Amino acid sequence: MHKIDVSPLTSEARPITQEAAAIYLKHTEPWFLGLLAHGSALKGGIIPGCSDVDLQLYLQTAAFTPQGHLPLELAFAIHRDITKIDPAPFRYIQCYPLSSELPEGFVGPIPGAYHIVAGELPVPEATAEQVRAAARKALTELNPTPAFIIGSLIGPGGVRLARRIRLLCTKVWPVLYQVLTLQRDEVLETWRLPKDQAVELLPQDTPLGQAIRRFYRAVHVYYPAEDSVEDALLVIESGVGFLKAAKAWWEKTGE
């Protein structure tokens, strides 16, 4: 049995990750290579009710179907056990199963921005140039007004709107780090920072700096209660506002 180490994680994330790791090991032991944690569970800066415990589960290719998925029966078994874990103050346990053969365009974990919970890392770490290249590609392809946002606004909202807001958050935060990646020399160090410190790297007197601070404030007002329609709409408005500012910046200064 592989040793589980959650000691570098935040105090809130340790018991959750310990339980989750034991479940993943239990069900995937024949193919298990490694489990790593990243994001706010490691770096801090958790937004209660919004942030996830982010994990990557590396398995031998034999664990996957020809289509690249885990067998349905295995996914069912894992899900039944994982749902018994209370992830609070995090929103979800989010785990991506990967093989040692990374998909095209997928770069390995960023040095210093992840922790191996169990096993080992079976893929090369990302280099600074790979991270820069990925940031350029992402900003070039960025759609600042995602279709899923518009669709969620023409109905009554409710749970569907709340899910779309979380999805928007998962788009905004990577864009923040992608912008900083192309503005700073300290590429890998940037991705090791929690969100609050990353936000402070954008000057307050710039459109980008103003937009990300507005979004950051709106998210903290909306979560964890999620009980105000106006607060929800402000998260969407400010999030799209930042994505538009990022796109405009890239189109003006991009290489």
Protein backbone atom coordinates (compact mmCIF):
# COMPACT_ATOMS: atom_id res chain seq x y z
CA MET A 1 0.00 0.00 0.00
CA HIS A 2 1.30 3.43 -0.90
CA LYS A 3 2.00 5.96 1.83
CA ILE A 4 -0.32 8.97 1.91
CA ASP A 5 1.24 12.34 2.76
CA VAL A 6 -1.00 15.40 3.15
CA SER A 7 1.26 17.36 5.49
CA PRO A 8 2.00 20.31 3.13
CA LEU A 9 -1.69 20.94 2.42
CA THR A 10 -3.79 23.53 4.22
CA SER A 11 -5.35 22.45 7.49
CA GLU A 12 -8.82 22.46 5.91
CA ALA A 13 -7.72 20.24 3.02
CA ARG A 14 -5.73 17.61 4.93
CA PRO A 15 -8.52 15.39 6.31
CA ILE A 16 -10.53 15.63 3.08
CA THR A 17 -7.56 14.70 0.92
CA GLN A 18 -6.51 11.92 3.30
CA GLU A 19 -9.92 10.26 2.95
CA ALA A 20 -10.10 10.82 -0.79
CA ALA A 21 -6.61 9.43 -1.37
CA ALA A 22 -7.46 6.25 0.52
CA ILE A 23 -10.54 5.78 -1.67
CA TYR A 24 -8.68 6.32 -4.93
CA LEU A 25 -5.95 3.92 -3.82
CA LYS A 26 -8.51 1.31 -2.77
CA HIS A 27 -10.22 1.28 -6.15
CA THR A 28 -7.26 1.85 -8.50
CA GLU A 29 -4.40 0.02 -6.77
CA PRO A 30 -3.72 -2.36 -9.73
CA TRP A 31 -2.99 0.58 -12.03
CA PHE A 32 -2.02 3.31 -9.55
CA LEU A 33 0.98 5.52 -10.34
CA GLY A 34 0.48 8.71 -8.38
CA LEU A 35 -1.96 11.19 -6.85
CA LEU A 36 -1.14 14.86 -6.58
CA ALA A 37 -2.84 17.92 -5.12
CA HIS A 38 -2.66 21.47 -6.42
CA GLY A 39 -4.62 24.71 -6.26
CA SER A 40 -5.92 26.35 -3.10
CA ALA A 41 -5.81 23.09 -1.14
CA LEU A 42 -2.03 23.45 -1.34
CA LYS A 43 -1.40 27.16 -1.89
CA GLY A 44 -4.10 28.55 0.38
CA GLY A 45 -6.43 31.40 -0.48
CA ILE A 46 -9.54 29.21 -0.29
CA ILE A 47 -12.88 30.85 -1.07
CA PRO A 48 -15.36 28.93 1.15
CA GLY A 49 -18.16 27.36 -0.83
CA CYS A 50 -16.40 27.96 -4.15
CA SER A 51 -12.90 26.48 -4.09
CA ASP A 52 -12.36 22.81 -4.85
CA VAL A 53 -9.90 20.24 -3.56
CA ASP A 54 -8.05 19.78 -6.86
CA LEU A 55 -6.43 16.40 -7.46
CA GLN A 56 -4.84 14.57 -10.38
CA LEU A 57 -4.89 10.77 -10.39
CA TYR A 58 -2.25 9.12 -12.58
CA LEU A 59 -2.93 5.54 -13.66
CA GLN A 60 -1.42 3.05 -16.06
CA THR A 61 -2.94 3.15 -19.53
CA ALA A 62 -4.46 -0.30 -18.91
CA ALA A 63 -6.93 1.32 -16.50
CA PHE A 64 -8.61 3.27 -19.31
CA THR A 65 -11.05 2.24 -22.03
CA PRO A 66 -10.02 2.68 -25.69
CA GLN A 67 -11.88 6.00 -25.58
CA GLY A 68 -9.65 7.19 -22.74
CA HIS A 69 -12.19 6.92 -19.90
CA LEU A 70 -12.30 4.89 -16.74
CA PRO A 71 -14.68 1.91 -16.94
CA LEU A 72 -18.18 2.87 -15.82
CA GLU A 73 -18.26 0.27 -13.07
CA LEU A 74 -15.02 1.61 -11.59
CA ALA A 75 -16.30 5.19 -11.75
CA PHE A 76 -19.51 4.12 -9.98
CA ALA A 77 -17.56 2.43 -7.19
CA ILE A 78 -15.31 5.45 -6.63
CA HIS A 79 -18.24 7.84 -6.72
CA ARG A 80 -20.20 5.91 -4.08
CA ASP A 81 -17.30 6.23 -1.64
CA ILE A 82 -16.21 9.78 -2.50
CA THR A 83 -19.72 11.15 -1.96
CA LYS A 84 -19.51 10.04 1.68
CA ILE A 85 -16.82 12.68 2.30
CA ASP A 86 -17.94 16.12 3.47
CA PRO A 87 -15.75 18.53 1.46
CA ALA A 88 -16.63 21.66 3.50
CA PRO A 89 -15.36 24.36 3.47
CA PHE A 90 -14.47 23.35 -0.10
CA ARG A 91 -17.23 22.89 -2.66
CA TYR A 92 -16.16 19.66 -4.30
CA ILE A 93 -13.39 17.11 -4.54
CA GLN A 94 -12.35 17.50 -8.16
CA CYS A 95 -10.13 14.74 -9.48
CA TYR A 96 -8.93 14.22 -13.06
CA PRO A 97 -7.72 10.72 -13.99
CA LEU A 98 -4.72 10.81 -16.32
CA SER A 99 -2.37 8.27 -17.81
CA SER A 100 1.39 8.57 -18.04
CA GLU A 101 0.87 9.54 -21.67
CA LEU A 102 -0.38 13.12 -21.49
CA PRO A 103 -2.93 14.31 -24.07
CA GLU A 104 -1.66 16.52 -26.87
CA GLY A 105 -1.17 20.08 -25.67
CA PHE A 106 -1.31 19.05 -22.01
CA VAL A 107 1.73 20.08 -19.95
CA GLY A 108 2.88 18.45 -16.75
CA PRO A 109 2.47 19.92 -13.27
CA ILE A 110 4.28 23.16 -12.49
CA PRO A 111 7.26 22.71 -10.15
CA GLY A 112 6.45 23.98 -6.68
CA ALA A 113 2.72 24.29 -7.44
CA TYR A 114 1.77 20.70 -6.65
CA HIS A 115 2.34 18.07 -3.97
CA ILE A 116 2.52 14.32 -4.45
CA VAL A 117 0.03 12.86 -2.00
CA ALA A 118 0.86 9.25 -2.87
CA GLY A 119 3.01 7.40 -5.39
CA GLU A 120 5.13 9.37 -7.81
CA LEU A 121 4.82 11.75 -10.73
CA PRO A 122 5.01 9.68 -13.94
CA VAL A 123 5.21 12.63 -16.35
CA PRO A 124 7.78 15.43 -16.80
CA GLU A 125 7.17 18.67 -14.95
CA ALA A 126 6.24 21.72 -16.99
CA THR A 127 8.99 24.09 -18.07
CA ALA A 128 8.67 27.87 -18.03
CA GLU A 129 8.55 27.98 -21.82
CA GLN A 130 5.80 25.35 -21.95
CA VAL A 131 3.76 27.38 -19.49
CA ARG A 132 4.29 30.54 -21.55
CA ALA A 133 3.28 28.76 -24.74
CA ALA A 134 0.15 27.38 -23.09
CA ALA A 135 -0.73 30.87 -21.83
CA ARG A 136 -0.33 32.40 -25.30
CA LYS A 137 -2.54 29.72 -26.82
CA ALA A 138 -5.21 30.05 -24.14
CA LEU A 139 -5.44 33.84 -24.43
CA THR A 140 -5.51 33.68 -28.22
CA GLU A 141 -8.44 31.25 -28.10
CA LEU A 142 -10.20 32.96 -25.18
CA ASN A 143 -13.90 33.69 -25.62
CA PRO A 144 -14.62 36.44 -23.06
CA THR A 145 -18.39 35.88 -23.18
CA PRO A 146 -18.87 32.10 -22.85
CA ALA A 147 -22.08 30.76 -24.34
CA PHE A 148 -22.93 28.89 -21.13
CA ILE A 149 -23.22 32.23 -19.32
CA ILE A 150 -25.74 33.73 -21.75
CA GLY A 151 -27.81 30.56 -21.69
CA SER A 152 -28.02 30.59 -17.90
CA LEU A 153 -29.36 34.17 -17.83
CA ILE A 154 -32.48 33.73 -19.93
CA GLY A 155 -34.14 31.33 -17.50
CA PRO A 156 -35.07 31.67 -13.82
CA GLY A 157 -31.59 30.66 -12.64
CA GLY A 158 -31.51 28.71 -9.40
CA VAL A 159 -29.16 25.74 -9.22
CA ARG A 160 -28.37 26.03 -12.92
CA LEU A 161 -27.19 29.63 -12.52
CA ALA A 162 -25.08 28.71 -9.48
CA ARG A 163 -23.34 25.97 -11.48
CA ARG A 164 -22.61 28.36 -14.32
CA ILE A 165 -21.08 30.84 -11.90
CA ARG A 166 -18.74 28.18 -10.58
CA LEU A 167 -17.81 27.28 -14.15
CA LEU A 168 -17.08 30.94 -14.84
CA CYS A 169 -14.78 31.03 -11.81
CA THR A 170 -12.85 28.08 -13.20
CA LYS A 171 -12.27 30.13 -16.37
CA VAL A 172 -11.35 33.44 -14.72
CA TRP A 173 -8.64 32.24 -12.33
CA PRO A 174 -6.50 30.47 -14.97
CA VAL A 175 -6.74 33.56 -17.18
CA LEU A 176 -5.38 35.67 -14.32
CA TYR A 177 -2.33 33.41 -14.04
CA GLN A 178 -1.94 33.25 -17.83
CA VAL A 179 -1.83 37.05 -18.04
CA LEU A 180 0.71 37.22 -15.23
CA THR A 181 2.75 34.48 -16.92
CA LEU A 182 3.20 36.73 -19.95
CA GLN A 183 3.80 39.89 -17.93
CA ARG A 184 6.44 38.59 -15.53
CA ASP A 185 9.83 36.90 -15.73
CA GLU A 186 9.05 34.70 -12.71
CA VAL A 187 6.80 32.31 -14.60
CA LEU A 188 6.84 29.24 -12.37
CA GLU A 189 6.88 31.29 -9.18
CA THR A 190 3.70 33.05 -10.29
CA TRP A 191 1.72 29.81 -10.42
CA ARG A 192 2.77 28.98 -6.87
CA LEU A 193 0.95 32.02 -5.47
CA PRO A 194 -2.52 31.89 -3.91
CA LYS A 195 -5.24 33.91 -5.65
CA ASP A 196 -5.12 36.91 -3.33
CA GLN A 197 -1.40 37.41 -3.93
CA ALA A 198 -1.79 36.90 -7.67
CA VAL A 199 -4.52 39.56 -7.78
CA GLU A 200 -2.19 42.07 -6.14
CA LEU A 201 0.36 41.66 -8.94
CA LEU A 202 -1.93 43.49 -11.38
CA PRO A 203 -1.62 47.26 -10.75
CA GLN A 204 -4.78 48.85 -9.37
CA ASP A 205 -4.69 51.70 -11.89
CA THR A 206 -4.98 49.41 -14.94
CA PRO A 207 -8.15 47.98 -16.53
CA LEU A 208 -6.95 44.46 -15.74
CA GLY A 209 -6.17 45.31 -12.12
CA GLN A 210 -9.50 47.03 -11.57
CA ALA A 211 -11.46 44.25 -13.26
CA ILE A 212 -9.89 41.37 -11.31
CA ARG A 213 -10.33 43.16 -7.98
CA ARG A 214 -14.01 43.78 -8.75
CA PHE A 215 -14.45 40.10 -9.54
CA TYR A 216 -12.54 39.00 -6.44
CA ARG A 217 -14.74 41.17 -4.21
CA ALA A 218 -17.92 39.95 -5.91
CA VAL A 219 -16.99 36.30 -5.43
CA HIS A 220 -16.36 36.82 -1.72
CA VAL A 221 -19.74 38.54 -1.33
CA TYR A 222 -21.65 35.83 -3.22
CA TYR A 223 -20.04 32.83 -1.50
CA PRO A 224 -20.69 30.84 0.59
CA ALA A 225 -24.36 31.84 0.98
CA GLU A 226 -25.25 31.99 -2.76
CA ASP A 227 -28.63 33.46 -1.83
CA SER A 228 -28.70 36.76 -3.72
CA VAL A 229 -29.59 37.05 -7.40
CA GLU A 230 -27.99 40.49 -7.59
CA ASP A 231 -24.77 39.20 -6.06
CA ALA A 232 -24.81 36.34 -8.56
CA LEU A 233 -25.24 38.71 -11.47
CA LEU A 234 -22.39 40.87 -10.19
CA VAL A 235 -20.08 37.82 -10.18
CA ILE A 236 -21.02 37.18 -13.81
CA GLU A 237 -20.72 40.82 -14.86
CA SER A 238 -17.35 41.30 -13.18
CA GLY A 239 -16.02 37.93 -14.33
CA VAL A 240 -16.90 38.58 -17.95
CA GLY A 241 -15.50 42.09 -17.50
CA PHE A 242 -12.13 40.67 -16.51
CA LEU A 243 -12.12 38.17 -19.38
CA LYS A 244 -12.85 41.01 -21.81
CA ALA A 245 -10.05 43.11 -20.30
CA ALA A 246 -7.65 40.16 -20.59
CA LYS A 247 -8.62 39.57 -24.21
CA ALA A 248 -8.22 43.26 -25.06
CA TRP A 249 -4.81 43.34 -23.36
CA TRP A 250 -3.63 40.29 -25.26
CA GLU A 251 -4.88 41.56 -28.62
CA LYS A 252 -3.02 44.81 -28.03
CA THR A 253 0.23 43.46 -26.62
CA GLY A 254 0.30 39.80 -27.66
CA GLU A 255 3.30 38.41 -29.43
